[in-house]
Protein backbone atom coordinates (compact mmCIF):
# COMPACT_ATOMS: atom_id res chain seq x y z
CA UNK A 1 -2.31 6.68 7.96
CA UNK A 2 0.95 5.57 9.58
CA UNK A 3 3.19 7.93 11.36
CA UNK A 4 6.53 8.09 13.32
CA UNK A 5 6.72 11.27 15.50
CA UNK A 6 9.95 12.62 16.81
CA UNK A 7 10.53 12.07 20.48
CA UNK A 8 11.77 15.70 20.89
CA UNK A 9 10.61 18.66 18.86
CA UNK A 10 8.23 18.79 15.91
CA UNK A 11 8.32 16.73 12.85
CA UNK A 12 8.70 13.05 11.79
CA UNK A 13 7.47 10.98 8.80
CA UNK A 14 3.95 10.09 7.76
CA UNK A 15 2.77 7.61 5.11
CA UNK A 16 -0.69 7.10 3.61
CA UNK A 17 -1.75 3.62 2.15
CA UNK A 18 -5.16 3.21 0.45
CA UNK A 19 -7.57 1.05 2.49
CA UNK A 20 -7.93 -1.55 -0.27
CA UNK A 21 -4.09 -2.28 -0.19
CA UNK A 22 -3.19 -4.99 2.36
CA UNK A 23 -0.29 -3.57 4.34
CA UNK A 24 1.45 -4.46 7.59
CA UNK A 25 3.90 -2.49 9.55
CA UNK A 26 7.23 -3.93 10.71
CA UNK A 27 8.72 -2.88 14.00
CA UNK A 28 12.02 -1.55 12.61
CA UNK A 29 13.28 1.70 13.96
CA UNK A 30 16.53 3.47 12.89
CA UNK A 31 18.35 5.31 15.64
CA UNK A 32 19.55 8.12 13.21
CA UNK A 33 17.71 7.62 10.04
CA UNK A 34 14.06 8.14 10.64
CA UNK A 35 12.24 5.21 8.93
CA UNK A 36 9.33 2.89 8.68
CA UNK A 37 8.98 -0.36 6.84
CA UNK A 38 5.99 -2.02 5.49
CA UNK A 39 4.91 -5.39 3.80
CA UNK A 40 2.27 -4.53 1.23
CA UNK A 41 0.39 -6.71 -1.38
CA UNK A 42 -1.00 -5.30 -4.66
CA UNK A 43 -2.67 -7.91 -6.86
CA UNK A 44 -0.53 -11.06 -6.66
CA UNK A 45 2.74 -9.21 -5.90
CA UNK A 46 4.37 -8.49 -2.53
CA UNK A 47 6.47 -5.41 -1.83
CA UNK A 48 8.72 -4.19 0.98
CA UNK A 49 8.25 -0.54 1.21
CA UNK A 50 10.79 1.49 3.10
CA UNK A 51 10.28 5.21 3.76
CA UNK A 52 13.03 7.02 5.44
CA UNK A 53 14.31 10.56 6.29
CA UNK A 54 17.94 11.41 6.69
CA UNK A 55 18.86 14.61 8.71
CA UNK A 56 21.07 16.88 6.69
CA UNK A 57 23.85 16.89 9.48
CA UNK A 58 24.11 13.03 9.60
CA UNK A 59 27.63 11.90 8.71
CA UNK A 60 28.12 9.44 5.63
CA UNK A 61 29.34 6.31 7.65
CA UNK A 62 26.46 6.32 10.17
CA UNK A 63 23.98 6.98 7.14
CA UNK A 64 25.52 4.02 5.14
CA UNK A 65 25.53 1.66 8.02
CA UNK A 66 22.08 2.31 9.18
CA UNK A 67 20.26 2.53 5.76
CA UNK A 68 21.97 -0.46 4.45
CA UNK A 69 20.82 -2.44 7.45
CA UNK A 70 17.20 -1.25 7.05
CA UNK A 71 17.30 -2.24 3.46
CA UNK A 72 18.94 -5.69 4.20
CA UNK A 73 16.11 -6.41 6.60
CA UNK A 74 13.58 -5.25 3.99
CA UNK A 75 14.69 -7.93 1.61
CA UNK A 76 13.88 -10.61 4.07
CA UNK A 77 10.23 -10.02 3.36
CA UNK A 78 9.77 -10.21 -0.38
CA UNK A 79 12.21 -9.81 -3.16
CA UNK A 80 10.66 -6.42 -4.37
CA UNK A 81 11.77 -3.58 -2.42
CA UNK A 82 10.81 0.27 -2.86
CA UNK A 83 12.44 2.99 -1.00
CA UNK A 84 11.01 6.42 -0.61
CA UNK A 85 11.65 9.57 1.25
CA UNK A 86 14.03 12.61 1.61
CA UNK A 87 17.62 11.66 2.11
CA UNK A 88 19.10 15.04 1.59
CA UNK A 89 21.56 13.60 -0.89
CA UNK A 90 22.58 15.50 -4.23
CA UNK A 91 23.29 12.93 -6.81
CA UNK A 92 23.62 15.63 -9.45
CA UNK A 93 26.88 16.80 -7.86
CA UNK A 94 28.29 13.62 -6.32
CA UNK A 95 31.44 15.33 -4.87
CA UNK A 96 29.83 18.27 -3.30
CA UNK A 97 28.44 18.57 0.27
CA UNK A 98 30.81 15.98 1.78
CA UNK A 99 30.03 13.50 -1.17
CA UNK A 100 26.53 12.69 0.32
CA UNK A 101 25.22 12.03 -3.23
CA UNK A 102 28.16 9.41 -3.90
CA UNK A 103 27.35 7.86 -0.48
CA UNK A 104 23.62 7.23 -1.52
CA UNK A 105 24.72 5.73 -4.81
CA UNK A 106 27.13 3.36 -2.95
CA UNK A 107 24.26 2.16 -0.79
CA UNK A 108 22.07 1.46 -3.95
CA UNK A 109 24.99 -0.53 -5.35
CA UNK A 110 25.34 -2.50 -2.27
CA UNK A 111 21.70 -3.20 -1.92
CA UNK A 112 21.23 -3.78 -5.68
CA UNK A 113 18.74 -0.89 -6.01
CA UNK A 114 18.21 1.34 -9.07
CA UNK A 115 17.21 4.99 -9.00
CA UNK A 116 13.76 5.71 -10.52
CA UNK A 117 13.75 9.49 -10.38
CA UNK A 118 16.19 11.13 -12.74
CA UNK A 119 15.05 14.77 -12.44
CA UNK A 120 15.52 17.37 -9.69
CA UNK A 121 13.20 16.93 -6.67
CA UNK A 122 14.47 20.12 -4.98
CA UNK A 123 14.45 23.18 -7.36
CA UNK A 124 17.85 24.74 -8.00
CA UNK A 125 19.68 22.48 -5.53
CA UNK A 126 19.48 18.70 -5.75
CA UNK A 127 18.39 15.64 -7.79
CA UNK A 128 16.32 12.95 -6.23
CA UNK A 129 16.36 9.28 -6.29
CA UNK A 130 13.66 6.72 -5.50
CA UNK A 131 15.69 3.48 -5.24
CA UNK A 132 13.99 0.35 -6.27
CA UNK A 133 15.09 -3.28 -7.35
CA UNK A 134 11.97 -3.96 -9.70
CA UNK A 135 12.49 -1.92 -12.87
CA UNK A 136 10.41 -4.36 -14.82
CA UNK A 137 7.43 -3.64 -12.71
CA UNK A 138 7.70 0.17 -13.17
CA UNK A 139 5.45 1.92 -15.77
CA UNK A 140 6.25 5.56 -15.15
CA UNK A 141 7.97 7.77 -12.64
CA UNK A 142 8.79 11.51 -12.27
CA UNK A 143 8.46 14.67 -10.12
CA UNK A 144 5.54 17.10 -10.26
CA UNK A 145 6.10 20.83 -9.72
CA UNK A 146 3.17 21.87 -7.43
CA UNK A 147 4.35 25.35 -6.45
CA UNK A 148 3.67 24.73 -2.67
CA UNK A 149 7.33 24.46 -1.63
CA UNK A 150 10.88 23.87 -3.14
CA UNK A 151 10.44 20.20 -2.75
CA UNK A 152 8.72 18.44 -5.79
CA UNK A 153 6.04 15.72 -5.67
CA UNK A 154 7.64 12.35 -6.54
CA UNK A 155 5.48 9.57 -7.97
CA UNK A 156 5.75 6.12 -9.45
CA UNK A 157 3.34 4.06 -11.30
CA UNK A 158 3.43 0.21 -11.10
CA UNK A 159 2.65 -2.31 -13.78
CA UNK A 160 0.20 -4.05 -11.44
CA UNK A 161 -3.39 -3.71 -10.33
CA UNK A 162 -5.45 -4.27 -7.29
CA UNK A 163 -7.34 -7.48 -6.98
CA UNK A 164 -11.01 -7.14 -7.73
CA UNK A 165 -13.28 -7.46 -4.69
CA UNK A 166 -15.34 -10.60 -4.50
CA UNK A 167 -18.71 -10.27 -6.31
CA UNK A 168 -21.67 -9.97 -4.10
CA UNK A 169 -24.66 -12.06 -5.30
CA UNK A 170 -28.13 -10.14 -4.63
CA UNK A 171 -31.29 -12.23 -5.32
CA UNK A 172 -34.46 -10.00 -5.99
CA UNK A 173 -37.84 -10.61 -7.36
CA UNK A 174 -39.27 -8.30 -10.13
CA UNK A 175 -42.66 -7.10 -9.65
CA UNK A 176 -43.08 -5.59 -13.14
CA UNK A 177 -45.20 -8.64 -14.38
CA UNK A 178 -46.58 -9.51 -10.81
CA UNK A 179 -49.98 -11.29 -10.95
CA UNK A 180 -51.62 -11.29 -7.56
CA UNK A 181 -54.15 -13.93 -8.34
CA UNK A 182 -51.68 -16.33 -9.66
CA UNK A 183 -49.32 -15.55 -6.54
CA UNK A 184 -52.08 -16.43 -4.17
CA UNK A 185 -52.82 -19.62 -6.12
CA UNK A 186 -49.22 -20.65 -5.91
CA UNK A 187 -49.08 -20.15 -2.19
CA UNK A 188 -52.28 -22.16 -1.64
CA UNK A 189 -50.46 -25.15 -2.91
CA UNK A 190 -47.31 -24.91 -0.92
CA UNK A 191 -47.26 -27.37 2.05
CA UNK A 192 -46.38 -24.94 4.77
CA UNK A 193 -47.78 -27.54 7.46
CA UNK A 194 -44.72 -29.56 7.06
CA UNK A 195 -42.61 -26.99 8.77
CA UNK A 196 -44.50 -27.62 12.06
CA UNK A 197 -43.12 -31.15 12.44
CA UNK A 198 -40.09 -29.29 14.10
CA UNK A 199 -40.31 -28.23 17.76
CA UNK A 200 -37.52 -25.67 17.66
CA UNK A 201 -38.88 -22.32 16.16
CA UNK A 202 -35.63 -21.76 14.41
CA UNK A 203 -36.20 -24.96 12.45
CA UNK A 204 -39.87 -23.99 11.88
CA UNK A 205 -38.82 -20.63 10.38
CA UNK A 206 -35.93 -22.38 8.23
CA UNK A 207 -38.54 -24.86 6.67
CA UNK A 208 -41.17 -22.19 6.14
CA UNK A 209 -38.56 -19.86 4.43
CA UNK A 210 -37.12 -22.59 2.17
CA UNK A 211 -40.74 -23.53 1.06
CA UNK A 212 -41.52 -19.80 0.36
CA UNK A 213 -38.36 -19.12 -1.63
CA UNK A 214 -39.07 -22.13 -3.74
CA UNK A 215 -42.64 -21.34 -4.31
């Protein structure tokens, strides 16, 4: 869990990343656009993940300058960039509300990003956009109506997979066909006495253990 709390008042941004995904946070902080940036690795691919929130009252010029700078810095990590978050920009009605939707699309053009979400993400009001520059790696995207608020749950599925964890080798003996007499006979011919040529108890144990395992 990663969080950036507001200095004054309540609120902020919060991001959950699965433990099995390698992720490192960069020390980039927007002054007016609340943001966090991460370098993540899924399988053999690296991504820059930028999450941001734009206050509704922020003017277009400040928004354009600050978000463009954040996205420019994100491209310094890998070539693959994903931007998520609530930017309070209606791209269904580009000329409404001081042209905030058009401003977001202009930023996407400048940073060579495409919008993934082409359905409304806030009911009755706006259409969302999850910009990215990796359309070939995207399998599916959309917004889920959950009924908990007027903001829908946005999701994206990548055409990649996690690296499999390294296999753990466990050595065990089966006692289903264990023959006690045969086992005792095998132990009687093992030359355990050779382990005592060592003075160090650790070396004695090592030799005794090796003889025991090979018997």
